[in-house]
Amino acid sequence: ITAKASIIFVTLQYNVTLPATEEQATESASLYYYGIKDLATVFFYMLVAIIIHAIIQEYVLDKINRRMHFSKTKHSKFNESGQLSAFYFFACVWGTFILVSENYISDPTILWRAYPHNLMTFQMKFFYISQLAYWFHAFPELYFQKTKKEDIPRQLVYIGLYLFHIAGAYLLNLNHLGLVLLVLHYFVEFLFHISRLFYFSDEKYQKGFSLWAVLFVLGRLLTLILSVLTVGFGLARAENQKLDFSTGNFNVLAVRIAVLASICITQAFMMWKFINFQLRRWREHSTFQAPPVRKKPTVTKGRSSRKGTENGVNGTVTSNGADSPRNRKEKSS
């Protein structure tokens, strides 16, 4: 009875079967486009993501936490990096497989050629559904993981940026560009979180963070270059530049400016956070490495030296010196 309703949640919707071409003489191609029913599919796989999150937490991360005896702060950061490193690794490998199988690496012009890319392969659509489901699952995980109130605003901004850009690429039929940028970004983020996991096990480990810092800056530059090349040059020179909701064509000047502005603002925000993070680490490292400067006490004669000893070391007033009782005057013999 419920098969017709449940199939909307489990399987991908809106498939179209195209006739076989000369290159594919044996089989017809089955492609997909997006629609309102995708919300039901995203909801179902969001529940799947919650279950997988709980399995990784209970059978992997909690066992490591019991052995390592982390503090509360390290415990929450270790759980965050453990979950995200597993997700980034899986998504990066999956996205790279799609890029190789669909010849994105050998022919970069696929990013803007034949736009709009309103028809997707099964792998492409399922990848985007999974990405949206994972980042939507992060909202209830804030409650399940008992996130601190002061960390919730940071997490909401973090999750919101992912959902905004992934949904934007999906709805504007920029899924080719979005896939490349996601794989690039996920690889850099995976390196950061895996380095933080090694750092928690051995605090002397710093090489991973140095490599991540270099790749982070290069990742931001490559993201801007690919975005400007695709949106600013490739789509700007396309013949069809009319807004058409029926065909999914959003290649107009206003949309291109909005896409480039959102990408540039996000990359600038990430670089600002990165610079602040590096400056804070540099200050902490320099403070930890700098030895305390000790001044030799100056020897003076008479009452001045006695007065200096009463007030503190080297003439500086100390709290215990100010609170100590005064010395009694000696009686003259």
C-alpha atoms as a PDB file:
ATOM      1  CA  ILE A   1       0.000   0.000   0.000  1.00  0.00           C
ATOM      2  CA  THR A   2       2.777   2.412   0.912  1.00  0.00           C
ATOM      3  CA  ALA A   3       5.087   1.415  -1.966  1.00  0.00           C
ATOM      4  CA  LYS A   4       4.035   4.323  -4.196  1.00  0.00           C
ATOM      5  CA  ALA A   5       4.596   6.833  -1.419  1.00  0.00           C
ATOM      6  CA  SER A   6       7.862   5.345  -0.099  1.00  0.00           C
ATOM      7  CA  ILE A   7       9.487   5.179  -3.522  1.00  0.00           C
ATOM      8  CA  ILE A   8       9.490   8.999  -3.616  1.00  0.00           C
ATOM      9  CA  PHE A   9      11.749   9.023  -0.551  1.00  0.00           C
ATOM     10  CA  VAL A  10      14.114   6.207  -1.527  1.00  0.00           C
ATOM     11  CA  THR A  11      14.731   6.506  -5.290  1.00  0.00           C
ATOM     12  CA  LEU A  12      15.700   9.488  -7.408  1.00  0.00           C
ATOM     13  CA  GLN A  13      12.841  11.215  -9.182  1.00  0.00           C
ATOM     14  CA  TYR A  14      12.393  12.998 -12.538  1.00  0.00           C
ATOM     15  CA  ASN A  15      14.267  10.611 -14.830  1.00  0.00           C
ATOM     16  CA  VAL A  16      14.216  10.992 -18.594  1.00  0.00           C
ATOM     17  CA  THR A  17      15.260   8.316 -21.087  1.00  0.00           C
ATOM     18  CA  LEU A  18      17.055   9.727 -24.117  1.00  0.00           C
ATOM     19  CA  PRO A  19      17.409   7.787 -27.374  1.00  0.00           C
ATOM     20  CA  ALA A  20      20.753   6.167 -28.090  1.00  0.00           C
ATOM     21  CA  THR A  21      23.292   8.211 -30.048  1.00  0.00           C
ATOM     22  CA  GLU A  22      26.011   7.044 -32.444  1.00  0.00           C
ATOM     23  CA  GLU A  23      28.525   6.875 -29.574  1.00  0.00           C
ATOM     24  CA  GLN A  24      26.081   4.875 -27.446  1.00  0.00           C
ATOM     25  CA  ALA A  25      24.529   2.619 -30.076  1.00  0.00           C
ATOM     26  CA  THR A  26      23.729  -0.189 -27.678  1.00  0.00           C
ATOM     27  CA  GLU A  27      22.015   1.545 -24.769  1.00  0.00           C
ATOM     28  CA  SER A  28      19.775   4.543 -24.253  1.00  0.00           C
ATOM     29  CA  ALA A  29      20.851   7.154 -21.722  1.00  0.00           C
ATOM     30  CA  SER A  30      18.823   7.728 -18.551  1.00  0.00           C
ATOM     31  CA  LEU A  31      19.260  11.249 -17.176  1.00  0.00           C
ATOM     32  CA  TYR A  32      17.632  13.211 -14.366  1.00  0.00           C
ATOM     33  CA  TYR A  33      16.506  16.762 -13.642  1.00  0.00           C
ATOM     34  CA  TYR A  34      15.437  18.320 -10.347  1.00  0.00           C
ATOM     35  CA  GLY A  35      11.998  19.054  -8.921  1.00  0.00           C
ATOM     36  CA  ILE A  36      10.001  19.532  -5.738  1.00  0.00           C
ATOM     37  CA  LYS A  37       9.958  15.791  -4.976  1.00  0.00           C
ATOM     38  CA  ASP A  38      13.699  15.937  -4.343  1.00  0.00           C
ATOM     39  CA  LEU A  39      12.901  17.394  -0.915  1.00  0.00           C
ATOM     40  CA  ALA A  40      11.426  14.021   0.111  1.00  0.00           C
ATOM     41  CA  THR A  41      14.549  12.211  -1.092  1.00  0.00           C
ATOM     42  CA  VAL A  42      16.794  14.665   0.760  1.00  0.00           C
ATOM     43  CA  PHE A  43      14.756  14.116   3.933  1.00  0.00           C
ATOM     44  CA  PHE A  44      15.103  10.322   3.728  1.00  0.00           C
ATOM     45  CA  TYR A  45      18.857  10.405   3.186  1.00  0.00           C
ATOM     46  CA  MET A  46      19.166  12.976   5.961  1.00  0.00           C
ATOM     47  CA  LEU A  47      17.842  10.275   8.306  1.00  0.00           C
ATOM     48  CA  VAL A  48      20.360   7.837   6.824  1.00  0.00           C
ATOM     49  CA  ALA A  49      23.136  10.366   7.510  1.00  0.00           C
ATOM     50  CA  ILE A  50      22.022  10.664  11.150  1.00  0.00           C
ATOM     51  CA  ILE A  51      22.229   6.870  11.543  1.00  0.00           C
ATOM     52  CA  ILE A  52      25.697   6.697   9.938  1.00  0.00           C
ATOM     53  CA  HIS A  53      26.822   9.588  12.144  1.00  0.00           C
ATOM     54  CA  ALA A  54      25.697   7.690  15.252  1.00  0.00           C
ATOM     55  CA  ILE A  55      27.450   4.485  14.125  1.00  0.00           C
ATOM     56  CA  ILE A  56      30.781   6.262  13.554  1.00  0.00           C
ATOM     57  CA  GLN A  57      30.419   8.058  16.884  1.00  0.00           C
ATOM     58  CA  GLU A  58      29.636   4.962  18.944  1.00  0.00           C
ATOM     59  CA  TYR A  59      31.844   2.306  17.375  1.00  0.00           C
ATOM     60  CA  VAL A  60      34.890   4.406  16.399  1.00  0.00           C
ATOM     61  CA  LEU A  61      35.198   7.809  18.043  1.00  0.00           C
ATOM     62  CA  ASP A  62      33.870   6.946  21.508  1.00  0.00           C
ATOM     63  CA  LYS A  63      36.256   3.989  21.793  1.00  0.00           C
ATOM     64  CA  ILE A  64      39.231   6.197  20.904  1.00  0.00           C
ATOM     65  CA  ASN A  65      38.076   8.863  23.376  1.00  0.00           C
ATOM     66  CA  ARG A  66      37.990   6.324  26.213  1.00  0.00           C
ATOM     67  CA  ARG A  67      41.577   5.309  25.525  1.00  0.00           C
ATOM     68  CA  MET A  68      42.981   8.815  25.049  1.00  0.00           C
ATOM     69  CA  HIS A  69      41.197  10.443  28.032  1.00  0.00           C
ATOM     70  CA  PHE A  70      40.696  13.802  26.342  1.00  0.00           C
ATOM     71  CA  SER A  71      39.451  16.907  28.112  1.00  0.00           C
ATOM     72  CA  LYS A  72      35.965  18.216  27.331  1.00  0.00           C
ATOM     73  CA  THR A  73      37.278  20.758  24.810  1.00  0.00           C
ATOM     74  CA  LYS A  74      39.471  18.244  23.008  1.00  0.00           C
ATOM     75  CA  HIS A  75      36.695  15.663  23.206  1.00  0.00           C
ATOM     76  CA  SER A  76      34.250  17.839  21.232  1.00  0.00           C
ATOM     77  CA  LYS A  77      36.892  18.925  18.706  1.00  0.00           C
ATOM     78  CA  PHE A  78      38.047  15.333  18.226  1.00  0.00           C
ATOM     79  CA  ASN A  79      34.467  14.218  17.538  1.00  0.00           C
ATOM     80  CA  GLU A  80      33.951  17.085  15.073  1.00  0.00           C
ATOM     81  CA  SER A  81      37.159  16.355  13.168  1.00  0.00           C
ATOM     82  CA  GLY A  82      36.510  12.614  13.213  1.00  0.00           C
ATOM     83  CA  GLN A  83      33.061  12.972  11.670  1.00  0.00           C
ATOM     84  CA  LEU A  84      34.072  15.600   9.116  1.00  0.00           C
ATOM     85  CA  SER A  85      37.256  13.826   8.036  1.00  0.00           C
ATOM     86  CA  ALA A  86      35.263  10.657   7.280  1.00  0.00           C
ATOM     87  CA  PHE A  87      32.670  12.633   5.297  1.00  0.00           C
ATOM     88  CA  TYR A  88      35.227  14.735   3.399  1.00  0.00           C
ATOM     89  CA  PHE A  89      37.242  11.672   2.447  1.00  0.00           C
ATOM     90  CA  PHE A  90      34.199   9.793   1.155  1.00  0.00           C
ATOM     91  CA  ALA A  91      32.796  12.819  -0.736  1.00  0.00           C
ATOM     92  CA  CYS A  92      36.196  13.694  -2.213  1.00  0.00           C
ATOM     93  CA  VAL A  93      36.769  10.154  -3.523  1.00  0.00           C
ATOM     94  CA  TRP A  94      33.209   9.960  -4.880  1.00  0.00           C
ATOM     95  CA  GLY A  95      33.426  13.366  -6.557  1.00  0.00           C
ATOM     96  CA  THR A  96      36.820  12.561  -8.095  1.00  0.00           C
ATOM     97  CA  PHE A  97      35.380   9.334  -9.525  1.00  0.00           C
ATOM     98  CA  ILE A  98      32.565  11.336 -11.185  1.00  0.00           C
ATOM     99  CA  LEU A  99      35.052  13.858 -12.589  1.00  0.00           C
ATOM    100  CA  VAL A 100      37.175  11.097 -14.115  1.00  0.00           C
ATOM    101  CA  SER A 101      34.253   9.046 -15.439  1.00  0.00           C
ATOM    102  CA  GLU A 102      32.640  12.047 -17.149  1.00  0.00           C
ATOM    103  CA  ASN A 103      35.928  13.425 -18.590  1.00  0.00           C
ATOM    104  CA  TYR A 104      35.892  16.686 -16.645  1.00  0.00           C
ATOM    105  CA  ILE A 105      39.665  16.614 -16.160  1.00  0.00           C
ATOM    106  CA  SER A 106      40.553  15.957 -19.802  1.00  0.00           C
ATOM    107  CA  ASP A 107      38.111  18.587 -21.123  1.00  0.00           C
ATOM    108  CA  PRO A 108      37.639  21.588 -18.758  1.00  0.00           C
ATOM    109  CA  THR A 109      35.313  23.327 -21.238  1.00  0.00           C
ATOM    110  CA  ILE A 110      32.559  20.980 -20.005  1.00  0.00           C
ATOM    111  CA  LEU A 111      32.188  23.412 -17.088  1.00  0.00           C
ATOM    112  CA  TRP A 112      30.441  25.969 -19.318  1.00  0.00           C
ATOM    113  CA  ARG A 113      29.852  24.254 -22.661  1.00  0.00           C
ATOM    114  CA  ALA A 114      26.248  23.336 -23.553  1.00  0.00           C
ATOM    115  CA  TYR A 115      24.769  25.255 -20.620  1.00  0.00           C
ATOM    116  CA  PRO A 116      22.184  24.813 -19.062  1.00  0.00           C
ATOM    117  CA  HIS A 117      23.218  21.490 -17.556  1.00  0.00           C
ATOM    118  CA  ASN A 118      19.661  20.694 -16.543  1.00  0.00           C
ATOM    119  CA  LEU A 119      20.030  16.950 -17.204  1.00  0.00           C
ATOM    120  CA  MET A 120      22.275  14.999 -14.841  1.00  0.00           C
ATOM    121  CA  THR A 121      23.535  11.456 -14.693  1.00  0.00           C
ATOM    122  CA  PHE A 122      22.477   9.220 -11.823  1.00  0.00           C
ATOM    123  CA  GLN A 123      25.813   9.678 -10.055  1.00  0.00           C
ATOM    124  CA  MET A 124      25.715  13.451 -10.374  1.00  0.00           C
ATOM    125  CA  LYS A 125      22.206  13.835  -9.001  1.00  0.00           C
ATOM    126  CA  PHE A 126      22.722  11.324  -6.199  1.00  0.00           C
ATOM    127  CA  PHE A 127      25.920  13.157  -5.228  1.00  0.00           C
ATOM    128  CA  TYR A 128      24.067  16.452  -4.822  1.00  0.00           C
ATOM    129  CA  ILE A 129      21.172  14.801  -2.970  1.00  0.00           C
ATOM    130  CA  SER A 130      23.661  13.235  -0.577  1.00  0.00           C
ATOM    131  CA  GLN A 131      25.463  16.534  -0.027  1.00  0.00           C
ATOM    132  CA  LEU A 132      22.257  18.376   0.798  1.00  0.00           C
ATOM    133  CA  ALA A 133      21.127  15.525   3.067  1.00  0.00           C
ATOM    134  CA  TYR A 134      24.393  15.510   4.993  1.00  0.00           C
ATOM    135  CA  TRP A 135      24.454  19.228   5.688  1.00  0.00           C
ATOM    136  CA  PHE A 136      20.770  19.263   6.644  1.00  0.00           C
ATOM    137  CA  HIS A 137      21.486  16.448   9.098  1.00  0.00           C
ATOM    138  CA  ALA A 138      24.014  18.736  10.815  1.00  0.00           C
ATOM    139  CA  PHE A 139      21.154  20.807  12.309  1.00  0.00           C
ATOM    140  CA  PRO A 140      19.667  18.041  14.518  1.00  0.00           C
ATOM    141  CA  GLU A 141      23.210  16.890  15.324  1.00  0.00           C
ATOM    142  CA  LEU A 142      23.755  20.175  17.148  1.00  0.00           C
ATOM    143  CA  TYR A 143      21.161  18.926  19.646  1.00  0.00           C
ATOM    144  CA  PHE A 144      22.259  15.291  19.683  1.00  0.00           C
ATOM    145  CA  GLN A 145      25.919  16.198  20.259  1.00  0.00           C
ATOM    146  CA  LYS A 146      24.989  18.717  22.991  1.00  0.00           C
ATOM    147  CA  THR A 147      26.891  21.536  21.335  1.00  0.00           C
ATOM    148  CA  LYS A 148      27.784  24.463  23.569  1.00  0.00           C
ATOM    149  CA  LYS A 149      25.669  27.593  23.174  1.00  0.00           C
ATOM    150  CA  GLU A 150      28.677  29.744  22.326  1.00  0.00           C
ATOM    151  CA  ASP A 151      29.644  27.340  19.481  1.00  0.00           C
ATOM    152  CA  ILE A 152      26.175  27.180  17.904  1.00  0.00           C
ATOM    153  CA  PRO A 153      26.399  30.501  15.937  1.00  0.00           C
ATOM    154  CA  ARG A 154      29.704  29.416  14.382  1.00  0.00           C
ATOM    155  CA  GLN A 155      28.241  26.049  13.426  1.00  0.00           C
ATOM    156  CA  LEU A 156      25.102  27.635  11.935  1.00  0.00           C
ATOM    157  CA  VAL A 157      27.182  29.928   9.720  1.00  0.00           C
ATOM    158  CA  TYR A 158      29.367  26.980   8.719  1.00  0.00           C
ATOM    159  CA  ILE A 159      26.392  24.788   7.778  1.00  0.00           C
ATOM    160  CA  GLY A 160      24.470  27.625   6.137  1.00  0.00           C
ATOM    161  CA  LEU A 161      27.325  28.476   3.765  1.00  0.00           C
ATOM    162  CA  TYR A 162      27.529  24.877   2.584  1.00  0.00           C
ATOM    163  CA  LEU A 163      23.780  24.600   1.994  1.00  0.00           C
ATOM    164  CA  PHE A 164      23.621  27.963   0.240  1.00  0.00           C
ATOM    165  CA  HIS A 165      26.358  27.170  -2.278  1.00  0.00           C
ATOM    166  CA  ILE A 166      25.434  23.516  -2.890  1.00  0.00           C
ATOM    167  CA  ALA A 167      21.737  24.325  -3.366  1.00  0.00           C
ATOM    168  CA  GLY A 168      22.642  27.312  -5.532  1.00  0.00           C
ATOM    169  CA  ALA A 169      24.778  25.204  -7.871  1.00  0.00           C
ATOM    170  CA  TYR A 170      22.048  22.546  -7.983  1.00  0.00           C
ATOM    171  CA  LEU A 171      19.136  24.899  -8.687  1.00  0.00           C
ATOM    172  CA  LEU A 172      20.987  27.168 -11.138  1.00  0.00           C
ATOM    173  CA  ASN A 173      22.160  24.138 -13.163  1.00  0.00           C
ATOM    174  CA  LEU A 174      25.796  24.905 -12.395  1.00  0.00           C
ATOM    175  CA  ASN A 175      26.335  21.374 -11.137  1.00  0.00           C
ATOM    176  CA  HIS A 176      29.511  20.846 -13.189  1.00  0.00           C
ATOM    177  CA  LEU A 177      31.254  23.856 -11.672  1.00  0.00           C
ATOM    178  CA  GLY A 178      29.867  23.055  -8.223  1.00  0.00           C
ATOM    179  CA  LEU A 179      31.241  19.506  -8.329  1.00  0.00           C
ATOM    180  CA  VAL A 180      34.771  20.660  -9.186  1.00  0.00           C
ATOM    181  CA  LEU A 181      34.774  23.338  -6.490  1.00  0.00           C
ATOM    182  CA  LEU A 182      33.385  20.929  -3.876  1.00  0.00           C
ATOM    183  CA  VAL A 183      36.052  18.295  -4.564  1.00  0.00           C
ATOM    184  CA  LEU A 184      38.758  20.950  -4.358  1.00  0.00           C
ATOM    185  CA  HIS A 185      37.392  22.378  -1.120  1.00  0.00           C
ATOM    186  CA  TYR A 186      36.731  18.981   0.477  1.00  0.00           C
ATOM    187  CA  PHE A 187      40.305  17.833  -0.161  1.00  0.00           C
ATOM    188  CA  VAL A 188      41.749  20.850   1.670  1.00  0.00           C
ATOM    189  CA  GLU A 189      39.289  20.488   4.551  1.00  0.00           C
ATOM    190  CA  PHE A 190      40.023  16.762   4.845  1.00  0.00           C
ATOM    191  CA  LEU A 191      43.722  17.530   5.227  1.00  0.00           C
ATOM    192  CA  PHE A 192      42.994  20.016   8.022  1.00  0.00           C
ATOM    193  CA  HIS A 193      40.779  17.690  10.051  1.00  0.00           C
ATOM    194  CA  ILE A 194      43.024  14.651   9.634  1.00  0.00           C
ATOM    195  CA  SER A 195      45.967  16.815  10.754  1.00  0.00           C
ATOM    196  CA  ARG A 196      44.000  17.870  13.815  1.00  0.00           C
ATOM    197  CA  LEU A 197      43.309  14.229  14.668  1.00  0.00           C
ATOM    198  CA  PHE A 198      47.037  13.453  14.521  1.00  0.00           C
ATOM    199  CA  TYR A 199      47.730  16.569  16.595  1.00  0.00           C
ATOM    200  CA  PHE A 200      45.401  15.361  19.357  1.00  0.00           C
ATOM    201  CA  SER A 201      47.270  12.056  19.503  1.00  0.00           C
ATOM    202  CA  ASP A 202      50.686  13.778  19.471  1.00  0.00           C
ATOM    203  CA  GLU A 203      50.893  17.529  20.078  1.00  0.00           C
ATOM    204  CA  LYS A 204      54.351  17.685  18.482  1.00  0.00           C
ATOM    205  CA  TYR A 205      52.776  16.966  15.090  1.00  0.00           C
ATOM    206  CA  GLN A 206      52.676  20.240  13.115  1.00  0.00           C
ATOM    207  CA  LYS A 207      53.654  19.278   9.547  1.00  0.00           C
ATOM    208  CA  GLY A 208      50.083  18.622   8.467  1.00  0.00           C
ATOM    209  CA  PHE A 209      48.981  22.129   9.440  1.00  0.00           C
ATOM    210  CA  SER A 210      51.860  23.677   7.463  1.00  0.00           C
ATOM    211  CA  LEU A 211      50.887  21.741   4.336  1.00  0.00           C
ATOM    212  CA  TRP A 212      47.222  22.592   4.899  1.00  0.00           C
ATOM    213  CA  ALA A 213      48.029  26.326   5.160  1.00  0.00           C
ATOM    214  CA  VAL A 214      49.726  26.292   1.754  1.00  0.00           C
ATOM    215  CA  LEU A 215      46.974  24.258   0.092  1.00  0.00           C
ATOM    216  CA  PHE A 216      44.278  26.411   1.688  1.00  0.00           C
ATOM    217  CA  VAL A 217      45.605  29.556  -0.016  1.00  0.00           C
ATOM    218  CA  LEU A 218      46.071  27.707  -3.318  1.00  0.00           C
ATOM    219  CA  GLY A 219      42.546  26.306  -3.019  1.00  0.00           C
ATOM    220  CA  ARG A 220      41.079  29.775  -2.642  1.00  0.00           C
ATOM    221  CA  LEU A 221      43.002  31.017  -5.679  1.00  0.00           C
ATOM    222  CA  LEU A 222      41.939  28.039  -7.817  1.00  0.00           C
ATOM    223  CA  THR A 223      38.322  28.504  -6.737  1.00  0.00           C
ATOM    224  CA  LEU A 224      38.359  32.134  -7.849  1.00  0.00           C
ATOM    225  CA  ILE A 225      40.136  31.314 -11.124  1.00  0.00           C
ATOM    226  CA  LEU A 226      37.715  28.522 -12.069  1.00  0.00           C
ATOM    227  CA  SER A 227      34.688  30.611 -11.086  1.00  0.00           C
ATOM    228  CA  VAL A 228      35.760  33.644 -13.107  1.00  0.00           C
ATOM    229  CA  LEU A 229      36.779  31.444 -16.047  1.00  0.00           C
ATOM    230  CA  THR A 230      33.451  29.599 -16.086  1.00  0.00           C
ATOM    231  CA  VAL A 231      30.968  32.309 -15.162  1.00  0.00           C
ATOM    232  CA  GLY A 232      32.806  35.454 -16.218  1.00  0.00           C
ATOM    233  CA  PHE A 233      34.172  34.244 -19.552  1.00  0.00           C
ATOM    234  CA  GLY A 234      32.617  30.921 -20.589  1.00  0.00           C
ATOM    235  CA  LEU A 235      28.961  31.680 -19.836  1.00  0.00           C
ATOM    236  CA  ALA A 236      29.324  35.351 -20.771  1.00  0.00           C
ATOM    237  CA  ARG A 237      30.264  34.358 -24.327  1.00  0.00           C
ATOM    238  CA  ALA A 238      27.456  31.813 -24.727  1.00  0.00           C
ATOM    239  CA  GLU A 239      24.885  32.481 -27.434  1.00  0.00           C
ATOM    240  CA  ASN A 240      21.771  31.835 -25.346  1.00  0.00           C
ATOM    241  CA  GLN A 241      21.629  34.506 -22.621  1.00  0.00           C
ATOM    242  CA  LYS A 242      17.899  34.698 -21.957  1.00  0.00           C
ATOM    243  CA  LEU A 243      16.222  33.821 -18.676  1.00  0.00           C
ATOM    244  CA  ASP A 244      14.085  30.732 -19.259  1.00  0.00           C
ATOM    245  CA  PHE A 245      12.690  28.784 -16.301  1.00  0.00           C
ATOM    246  CA  SER A 246      11.256  26.020 -18.486  1.00  0.00           C
ATOM    247  CA  THR A 247      14.674  25.006 -19.824  1.00  0.00           C
ATOM    248  CA  GLY A 248      16.551  26.005 -16.664  1.00  0.00           C
ATOM    249  CA  ASN A 249      18.612  28.692 -18.366  1.00  0.00           C
ATOM    250  CA  PHE A 250      19.786  31.308 -15.820  1.00  0.00           C
ATOM    251  CA  ASN A 251      22.621  32.672 -17.946  1.00  0.00           C
ATOM    252  CA  VAL A 252      21.841  36.378 -17.565  1.00  0.00           C
ATOM    253  CA  LEU A 253      24.070  39.199 -16.360  1.00  0.00           C
ATOM    254  CA  ALA A 254      22.352  39.655 -12.984  1.00  0.00           C
ATOM    255  CA  VAL A 255      22.653  35.966 -12.095  1.00  0.00           C
ATOM    256  CA  ARG A 256      26.291  35.811 -13.196  1.00  0.00           C
ATOM    257  CA  ILE A 257      27.150  38.839 -11.058  1.00  0.00           C
ATOM    258  CA  ALA A 258      25.303  37.347  -8.076  1.00  0.00           C
ATOM    259  CA  VAL A 259      27.123  34.008  -8.449  1.00  0.00           C
ATOM    260  CA  LEU A 260      30.554  35.609  -8.717  1.00  0.00           C
ATOM    261  CA  ALA A 261      29.813  37.996  -5.842  1.00  0.00           C
ATOM    262  CA  SER A 262      28.727  35.172  -3.517  1.00  0.00           C
ATOM    263  CA  ILE A 263      31.797  33.110  -4.361  1.00  0.00           C
ATOM    264  CA  CYS A 264      34.201  36.037  -3.949  1.00  0.00           C
ATOM    265  CA  ILE A 265      32.636  37.165  -0.655  1.00  0.00           C
ATOM    266  CA  THR A 266      32.778  33.622   0.720  1.00  0.00           C
ATOM    267  CA  GLN A 267      36.419  33.188  -0.291  1.00  0.00           C
ATOM    268  CA  ALA A 268      37.315  36.561   1.251  1.00  0.00           C
ATOM    269  CA  PHE A 269      35.503  35.575   4.465  1.00  0.00           C
ATOM    270  CA  MET A 270      37.394  32.278   4.603  1.00  0.00           C
ATOM    271  CA  MET A 271      40.727  34.012   4.024  1.00  0.00           C
ATOM    272  CA  TRP A 272      39.966  36.519   6.774  1.00  0.00           C
ATOM    273  CA  LYS A 273      39.207  33.675   9.201  1.00  0.00           C
ATOM    274  CA  PHE A 274      42.337  31.866   8.053  1.00  0.00           C
ATOM    275  CA  ILE A 275      44.591  34.898   8.609  1.00  0.00           C
ATOM    276  CA  ASN A 276      43.157  35.463  12.082  1.00  0.00           C
ATOM    277  CA  PHE A 277      43.680  31.783  12.895  1.00  0.00           C
ATOM    278  CA  GLN A 278      47.308  31.881  11.747  1.00  0.00           C
ATOM    279  CA  LEU A 279      48.025  35.101  13.660  1.00  0.00           C
ATOM    280  CA  ARG A 280      46.550  33.622  16.833  1.00  0.00           C
ATOM    281  CA  ARG A 281      48.659  30.484  16.436  1.00  0.00           C
ATOM    282  CA  TRP A 282      51.769  32.601  15.815  1.00  0.00           C
ATOM    283  CA  ARG A 283      51.180  34.658  18.959  1.00  0.00           C
ATOM    284  CA  GLU A 284      50.592  31.551  21.053  1.00  0.00           C
ATOM    285  CA  HIS A 285      53.704  29.880  19.653  1.00  0.00           C
ATOM    286  CA  SER A 286      55.889  32.958  20.182  1.00  0.00           C
ATOM    287  CA  THR A 287      54.595  33.400  23.742  1.00  0.00           C
ATOM    288  CA  PHE A 288      55.253  29.752  24.514  1.00  0.00           C
ATOM    289  CA  GLN A 289      58.751  29.777  23.024  1.00  0.00           C
ATOM    290  CA  ALA A 290      59.948  33.097  24.476  1.00  0.00           C
ATOM    291  CA  PRO A 291      61.818  32.519  27.786  1.00  0.00           C
ATOM    292  CA  PRO A 292      60.985  34.838  30.694  1.00  0.00           C
ATOM    293  CA  VAL A 293      63.424  37.720  31.039  1.00  0.00           C
ATOM    294  CA  ARG A 294      65.018  37.919  34.460  1.00  0.00           C
ATOM    295  CA  LYS A 295      66.763  41.044  35.584  1.00  0.00           C
ATOM    296  CA  LYS A 296      69.597  40.906  38.062  1.00  0.00           C
ATOM    297  CA  PRO A 297      68.793  42.766  41.277  1.00  0.00           C
ATOM    298  CA  THR A 298      70.850  45.949  41.716  1.00  0.00           C
ATOM    299  CA  VAL A 299      72.739  46.226  44.976  1.00  0.00           C
ATOM    300  CA  THR A 300      72.394  49.631  46.639  1.00  0.00           C
ATOM    301  CA  LYS A 301      73.512  50.936  49.988  1.00  0.00           C
ATOM    302  CA  GLY A 302      71.743  52.353  52.966  1.00  0.00           C
ATOM    303  CA  ARG A 303      68.066  52.991  53.311  1.00  0.00           C
ATOM    304  CA  SER A 304      67.345  52.863  49.572  1.00  0.00           C
ATOM    305  CA  SER A 305      68.111  49.129  49.365  1.00  0.00           C
ATOM    306  CA  ARG A 306      66.073  48.459  52.476  1.00  0.00           C
ATOM    307  CA  LYS A 307      63.163  50.410  51.097  1.00  0.00           C
ATOM    308  CA  GLY A 308      63.383  48.564  47.779  1.00  0.00           C
ATOM    309  CA  THR A 309      63.276  45.230  49.560  1.00  0.00           C
ATOM    310  CA  GLU A 310      60.156  46.212  51.446  1.00  0.00           C
ATOM    311  CA  ASN A 311      58.299  47.353  48.311  1.00  0.00           C
ATOM    312  CA  GLY A 312      59.209  44.339  46.179  1.00  0.00           C
ATOM    313  CA  VAL A 313      61.791  43.055  43.766  1.00  0.00           C
ATOM    314  CA  ASN A 314      63.741  45.773  41.945  1.00  0.00           C
ATOM    315  CA  GLY A 315      61.571  48.502  43.401  1.00  0.00           C
ATOM    316  CA  THR A 316      58.266  47.151  42.020  1.00  0.00           C
ATOM    317  CA  VAL A 317      55.338  47.103  44.399  1.00  0.00           C
ATOM    318  CA  THR A 318      53.936  43.635  44.984  1.00  0.00           C
ATOM    319  CA  SER A 319      50.637  42.628  46.513  1.00  0.00           C
ATOM    320  CA  ASN A 320      52.168  40.849  49.443  1.00  0.00           C
ATOM    321  CA  GLY A 321      54.532  43.749  50.023  1.00  0.00           C
ATOM    322  CA  ALA A 322      51.672  46.211  50.193  1.00  0.00           C
ATOM    323  CA  ASP A 323      49.703  44.015  52.567  1.00  0.00           C
ATOM    324  CA  SER A 324      52.605  43.134  54.863  1.00  0.00           C
ATOM    325  CA  PRO A 325      52.926  44.945  58.220  1.00  0.00           C
ATOM    326  CA  ARG A 326      55.465  47.732  58.598  1.00  0.00           C
ATOM    327  CA  ASN A 327      58.738  47.063  60.371  1.00  0.00           C
ATOM    328  CA  ARG A 328      59.067  48.558  63.832  1.00  0.00           C
ATOM    329  CA  LYS A 329      61.651  51.204  64.436  1.00  0.00           C
ATOM    330  CA  GLU A 330      64.594  50.066  66.555  1.00  0.00           C
ATOM    331  CA  LYS A 331      65.055  51.826  69.855  1.00  0.00           C
ATOM    332  CA  SER A 332      68.136  53.955  70.090  1.00  0.00           C
ATOM    333  CA  SER A 333      70.541  52.553  72.641  1.00  0.00           C
END
